[in-house]
Amino acid sequence: METDKLEKHEAMQFLREYNEQEIFYQQYQQKKHDNQSLQLFLKDYDQNNFMQKQIYIEEFLLRGQNEFEKEDTMWLGQEKDIEVRKYSRFMPQLSAIHDFFEMIYVLENEMYVEVEDKKIVLKSGDIAFIPPDTIHKPLVMENTIAIQIMIRKSTFQKVFFKMLKGNHVISEFFLNALYIRENKHILIFHSHLDKNLLDCSLQLFIENHNRFPSYQLIMNNLFEILL
């Protein structure tokens, strides 16, 4: 339906509005302190449905962190290289570990990421790259607007390989993560909401949302421009 399509000028307002996951998480947080209320609330939900909607709560993560690990969980069998979504406000503070690259871009206010027992503050305009197989715990504030861009490891080897040939901090970071695998550090840029980076990131979000023909190719090109 046409009404579901997102225009560029609507993107920030769309991100500020509560989505299905955030509404669920908000209700979940309100019920969590009373076990009886929580069980009544959760019995209306199908656990398998949660995974499809990328809703994560400890009651339904039977295998703990392993639920986060594989690309299949995030892409659900889709043949695409990049997935972009909003970081959910009110989400529980759960440790995550996965086998793809994650880029966090904070658009408004701030959030925290705990990595290896160190709490890192990401302020508005900050961009953080998290390598695969790194345990991290995102802490999203109620008034935070942030997006996460998730990129398959194989995509870097296949699509962005020429980007890795440069002798600079980004190429070093990705080469270490792909081939040496000793890199547990996250890479942070303070972009100060640079207009080009912001436009490019919002366009990535819009392409992922609208899914017009050839959107995957467009997203790959946009991510290359972003890098």
Protein backbone atom coordinates (compact mmCIF):
# COMPACT_ATOMS: atom_id res chain seq x y z
CA MET A 1 0.00 0.00 0.00
CA GLU A 2 1.19 3.46 -0.88
CA THR A 3 0.51 4.84 2.61
CA ASP A 4 3.14 2.47 4.01
CA LYS A 5 5.91 3.96 1.88
CA LEU A 6 8.28 6.36 3.57
CA GLU A 7 9.44 9.65 2.06
CA LYS A 8 12.76 11.19 3.04
CA HIS A 9 11.24 14.22 4.78
CA GLU A 10 9.14 11.84 6.95
CA ALA A 11 12.03 9.66 8.11
CA MET A 12 12.94 11.38 11.39
CA GLN A 13 9.31 11.74 12.46
CA PHE A 14 8.73 8.07 11.61
CA LEU A 15 11.73 7.11 13.77
CA ARG A 16 10.43 9.20 16.69
CA GLU A 17 7.06 7.41 16.69
CA TYR A 18 6.74 4.23 18.74
CA ASN A 19 6.76 1.06 16.66
CA GLU A 20 5.28 -2.33 17.49
CA GLN A 21 8.41 -3.56 19.29
CA GLU A 22 8.67 -0.45 21.46
CA ILE A 23 5.00 -0.59 22.45
CA PHE A 24 5.47 -4.22 23.45
CA TYR A 25 8.67 -3.50 25.39
CA GLN A 26 7.05 -0.60 27.23
CA GLN A 27 4.14 -2.81 28.35
CA TYR A 28 6.56 -5.62 29.20
CA GLN A 29 8.64 -3.32 31.42
CA GLN A 30 5.47 -2.20 33.26
CA LYS A 31 4.42 -5.82 33.95
CA LYS A 32 7.84 -7.25 34.66
CA HIS A 33 7.79 -6.44 38.40
CA ASP A 34 4.68 -8.58 38.99
CA ASN A 35 5.19 -12.16 37.87
CA GLN A 36 1.46 -12.96 37.67
CA SER A 37 0.71 -9.92 35.48
CA LEU A 38 3.72 -10.75 33.32
CA GLN A 39 2.62 -14.35 32.73
CA LEU A 40 -0.91 -13.20 31.83
CA PHE A 41 0.54 -10.62 29.46
CA LEU A 42 2.92 -13.08 27.75
CA LYS A 43 0.41 -15.90 27.29
CA ASP A 44 -1.20 -13.95 24.43
CA TYR A 45 2.05 -14.07 22.45
CA ASP A 46 3.59 -16.80 20.35
CA GLN A 47 7.28 -17.30 21.05
CA ASN A 48 8.10 -18.07 17.39
CA ASN A 49 6.39 -14.86 16.36
CA PHE A 50 8.75 -12.95 18.62
CA MET A 51 11.82 -14.14 16.74
CA GLN A 52 10.27 -13.11 13.43
CA LYS A 53 9.55 -9.65 14.82
CA GLN A 54 13.01 -9.40 16.40
CA ILE A 55 11.59 -8.97 19.90
CA TYR A 56 14.00 -10.28 22.53
CA ILE A 57 13.09 -10.90 26.17
CA GLU A 58 14.83 -13.24 28.58
CA GLU A 59 11.67 -15.33 29.16
CA PHE A 60 11.66 -16.45 25.53
CA LEU A 61 15.39 -16.68 24.90
CA LEU A 62 15.67 -20.32 25.82
CA ARG A 63 19.23 -20.63 24.59
CA GLY A 64 20.34 -17.35 26.06
CA GLN A 65 22.79 -15.43 23.94
CA ASN A 66 22.85 -18.04 21.17
CA GLU A 67 19.58 -16.61 19.88
CA PHE A 68 21.53 -13.59 18.73
CA GLU A 69 24.47 -15.35 17.15
CA LYS A 70 23.59 -16.34 13.61
CA GLU A 71 22.89 -14.29 10.52
CA ASP A 72 19.86 -16.54 9.92
CA THR A 73 18.16 -15.12 13.02
CA MET A 74 18.51 -11.58 11.73
CA TRP A 75 17.82 -12.17 8.05
CA LEU A 76 15.37 -15.09 8.41
CA GLY A 77 16.56 -16.68 5.18
CA GLN A 78 16.36 -13.52 3.09
CA GLU A 79 18.96 -13.15 0.35
CA LYS A 80 20.09 -9.66 1.25
CA ASP A 81 23.35 -8.19 2.43
CA ILE A 82 22.31 -5.37 4.73
CA GLU A 83 19.49 -4.95 7.26
CA VAL A 84 18.65 -1.56 8.81
CA ARG A 85 16.33 -0.94 11.70
CA LYS A 86 15.66 1.41 14.57
CA TYR A 87 17.09 0.59 17.98
CA SER A 88 14.05 -0.13 20.14
CA ARG A 89 13.49 2.10 23.14
CA PHE A 90 12.46 0.29 26.36
CA MET A 91 14.22 -2.89 25.19
CA PRO A 92 15.58 -5.07 28.02
CA GLN A 93 19.28 -4.78 28.73
CA LEU A 94 20.40 -8.13 27.33
CA SER A 95 23.86 -9.15 26.22
CA ALA A 96 24.07 -9.83 22.50
CA ILE A 97 26.62 -11.64 20.37
CA HIS A 98 26.31 -12.22 16.64
CA ASP A 99 28.29 -13.25 13.58
CA PHE A 100 27.75 -10.12 11.49
CA PHE A 101 29.00 -6.53 11.63
CA GLU A 102 26.82 -3.96 13.34
CA MET A 103 26.96 -0.22 12.89
CA ILE A 104 25.12 1.97 15.42
CA TYR A 105 24.30 5.56 14.50
CA VAL A 106 22.82 7.77 17.24
CA LEU A 107 20.57 10.45 15.71
CA GLU A 108 19.14 12.07 18.86
CA ASN A 109 20.20 12.13 22.51
CA GLU A 110 22.51 9.32 23.67
CA MET A 111 22.78 5.61 24.45
CA TYR A 112 25.31 3.30 26.07
CA VAL A 113 27.00 0.14 24.89
CA GLU A 114 28.75 -2.17 27.33
CA VAL A 115 31.63 -4.05 25.67
CA GLU A 116 33.94 -6.33 27.63
CA ASP A 117 32.69 -4.82 30.94
CA LYS A 118 33.39 -1.29 29.73
CA LYS A 119 30.49 1.14 29.38
CA ILE A 120 30.80 3.42 26.35
CA VAL A 121 28.64 6.52 25.87
CA LEU A 122 27.43 7.19 22.31
CA LYS A 123 26.18 10.74 21.91
CA SER A 124 24.12 12.29 19.13
CA GLY A 125 26.08 12.01 15.86
CA ASP A 126 28.31 9.15 17.07
CA ILE A 127 28.78 6.10 14.85
CA ALA A 128 30.07 2.84 16.33
CA PHE A 129 31.17 -0.29 14.45
CA ILE A 130 30.92 -3.56 16.40
CA PRO A 131 32.82 -6.55 14.96
CA PRO A 132 31.33 -10.06 14.82
CA ASP A 133 31.54 -12.33 17.89
CA THR A 134 31.83 -9.41 20.32
CA ILE A 135 29.62 -9.60 23.41
CA HIS A 136 27.92 -6.24 23.85
CA LYS A 137 24.96 -4.89 25.76
CA PRO A 138 23.08 -1.88 24.32
CA LEU A 139 21.34 0.45 26.78
CA VAL A 140 18.83 2.63 24.95
CA MET A 141 17.24 5.62 26.68
CA GLU A 142 13.55 6.44 26.44
CA ASN A 143 14.24 9.53 24.32
CA THR A 144 17.02 8.05 22.17
CA ILE A 145 16.71 7.77 18.40
CA ALA A 146 19.33 5.43 16.97
CA ILE A 147 19.52 3.10 14.00
CA GLN A 148 21.47 -0.11 13.60
CA ILE A 149 22.89 -1.20 10.27
CA MET A 150 23.76 -4.91 10.15
CA ILE A 151 26.06 -6.25 7.43
CA ARG A 152 26.85 -9.88 6.69
CA LYS A 153 30.51 -10.87 6.97
CA SER A 154 30.35 -12.44 3.52
CA THR A 155 29.16 -9.10 2.11
CA PHE A 156 32.38 -7.44 3.14
CA GLN A 157 34.41 -10.11 1.41
CA LYS A 158 32.19 -10.02 -1.68
CA VAL A 159 30.82 -6.49 -2.12
CA PHE A 160 33.09 -4.15 -0.20
CA PHE A 161 36.42 -5.87 -0.75
CA LYS A 162 37.87 -2.93 -2.69
CA MET A 163 37.06 -0.73 0.31
CA LEU A 164 39.30 -2.98 2.43
CA LYS A 165 42.35 -2.35 0.26
CA GLY A 166 42.87 1.20 1.50
CA ASN A 167 45.43 1.82 4.21
CA HIS A 168 43.20 3.53 6.75
CA VAL A 169 41.49 2.92 10.08
CA ILE A 170 38.26 1.48 8.59
CA SER A 171 40.00 -1.03 6.32
CA GLU A 172 42.26 -2.08 9.20
CA PHE A 173 39.26 -2.57 11.49
CA PHE A 174 37.34 -4.77 9.03
CA LEU A 175 40.37 -6.80 7.92
CA ASN A 176 41.22 -7.53 11.57
CA ALA A 177 37.65 -8.57 12.30
CA LEU A 178 37.38 -10.76 9.18
CA TYR A 179 40.75 -12.49 9.12
CA ILE A 180 42.66 -12.04 12.39
CA ARG A 181 39.59 -12.20 14.64
CA GLU A 182 41.44 -10.95 17.67
CA ASN A 183 39.78 -7.55 17.47
CA LYS A 184 37.29 -7.09 20.29
CA HIS A 185 37.44 -3.31 20.10
CA ILE A 186 34.66 -1.20 18.69
CA LEU A 187 35.42 1.66 16.33
CA ILE A 188 33.76 5.01 17.10
CA PHE A 189 33.50 8.12 14.93
CA HIS A 190 32.20 11.45 16.22
CA SER A 191 30.41 12.69 13.10
CA HIS A 192 28.61 15.63 14.78
CA LEU A 193 25.59 14.73 12.61
CA ASP A 194 27.46 15.51 9.40
CA LYS A 195 24.75 16.20 6.81
CA ASN A 196 26.10 13.80 4.16
CA LEU A 197 26.41 10.92 6.63
CA LEU A 198 22.99 11.63 8.09
CA ASP A 199 21.32 11.80 4.65
CA CYS A 200 23.05 8.61 3.53
CA SER A 201 22.07 6.71 6.70
CA LEU A 202 18.44 7.86 6.56
CA GLN A 203 18.28 6.89 2.88
CA LEU A 204 19.54 3.42 3.84
CA PHE A 205 16.77 3.16 6.43
CA ILE A 206 14.16 4.32 3.88
CA GLU A 207 15.32 1.88 1.18
CA ASN A 208 15.17 -0.97 3.72
CA HIS A 209 11.67 0.11 4.76
CA ASN A 210 10.18 0.66 1.29
CA ARG A 211 11.84 -2.33 -0.44
CA PHE A 212 11.30 -1.07 -3.98
CA PRO A 213 12.76 -3.16 -6.86
CA SER A 214 16.60 -3.23 -6.79
CA TYR A 215 16.62 -1.79 -3.25
CA GLN A 216 19.36 -4.23 -2.16
CA LEU A 217 21.73 -2.96 -4.83
CA ILE A 218 20.92 0.63 -3.85
CA MET A 219 21.56 -0.18 -0.17
CA ASN A 220 24.95 -1.71 -0.98
CA ASN A 221 25.89 1.40 -2.97
CA LEU A 222 24.71 3.69 -0.17
CA PHE A 223 26.71 1.76 2.43
CA GLU A 224 29.82 2.00 0.25
CA ILE A 225 29.30 5.79 0.05
CA LEU A 226 28.86 5.86 3.83
CA LEU A 227 32.18 4.06 4.35
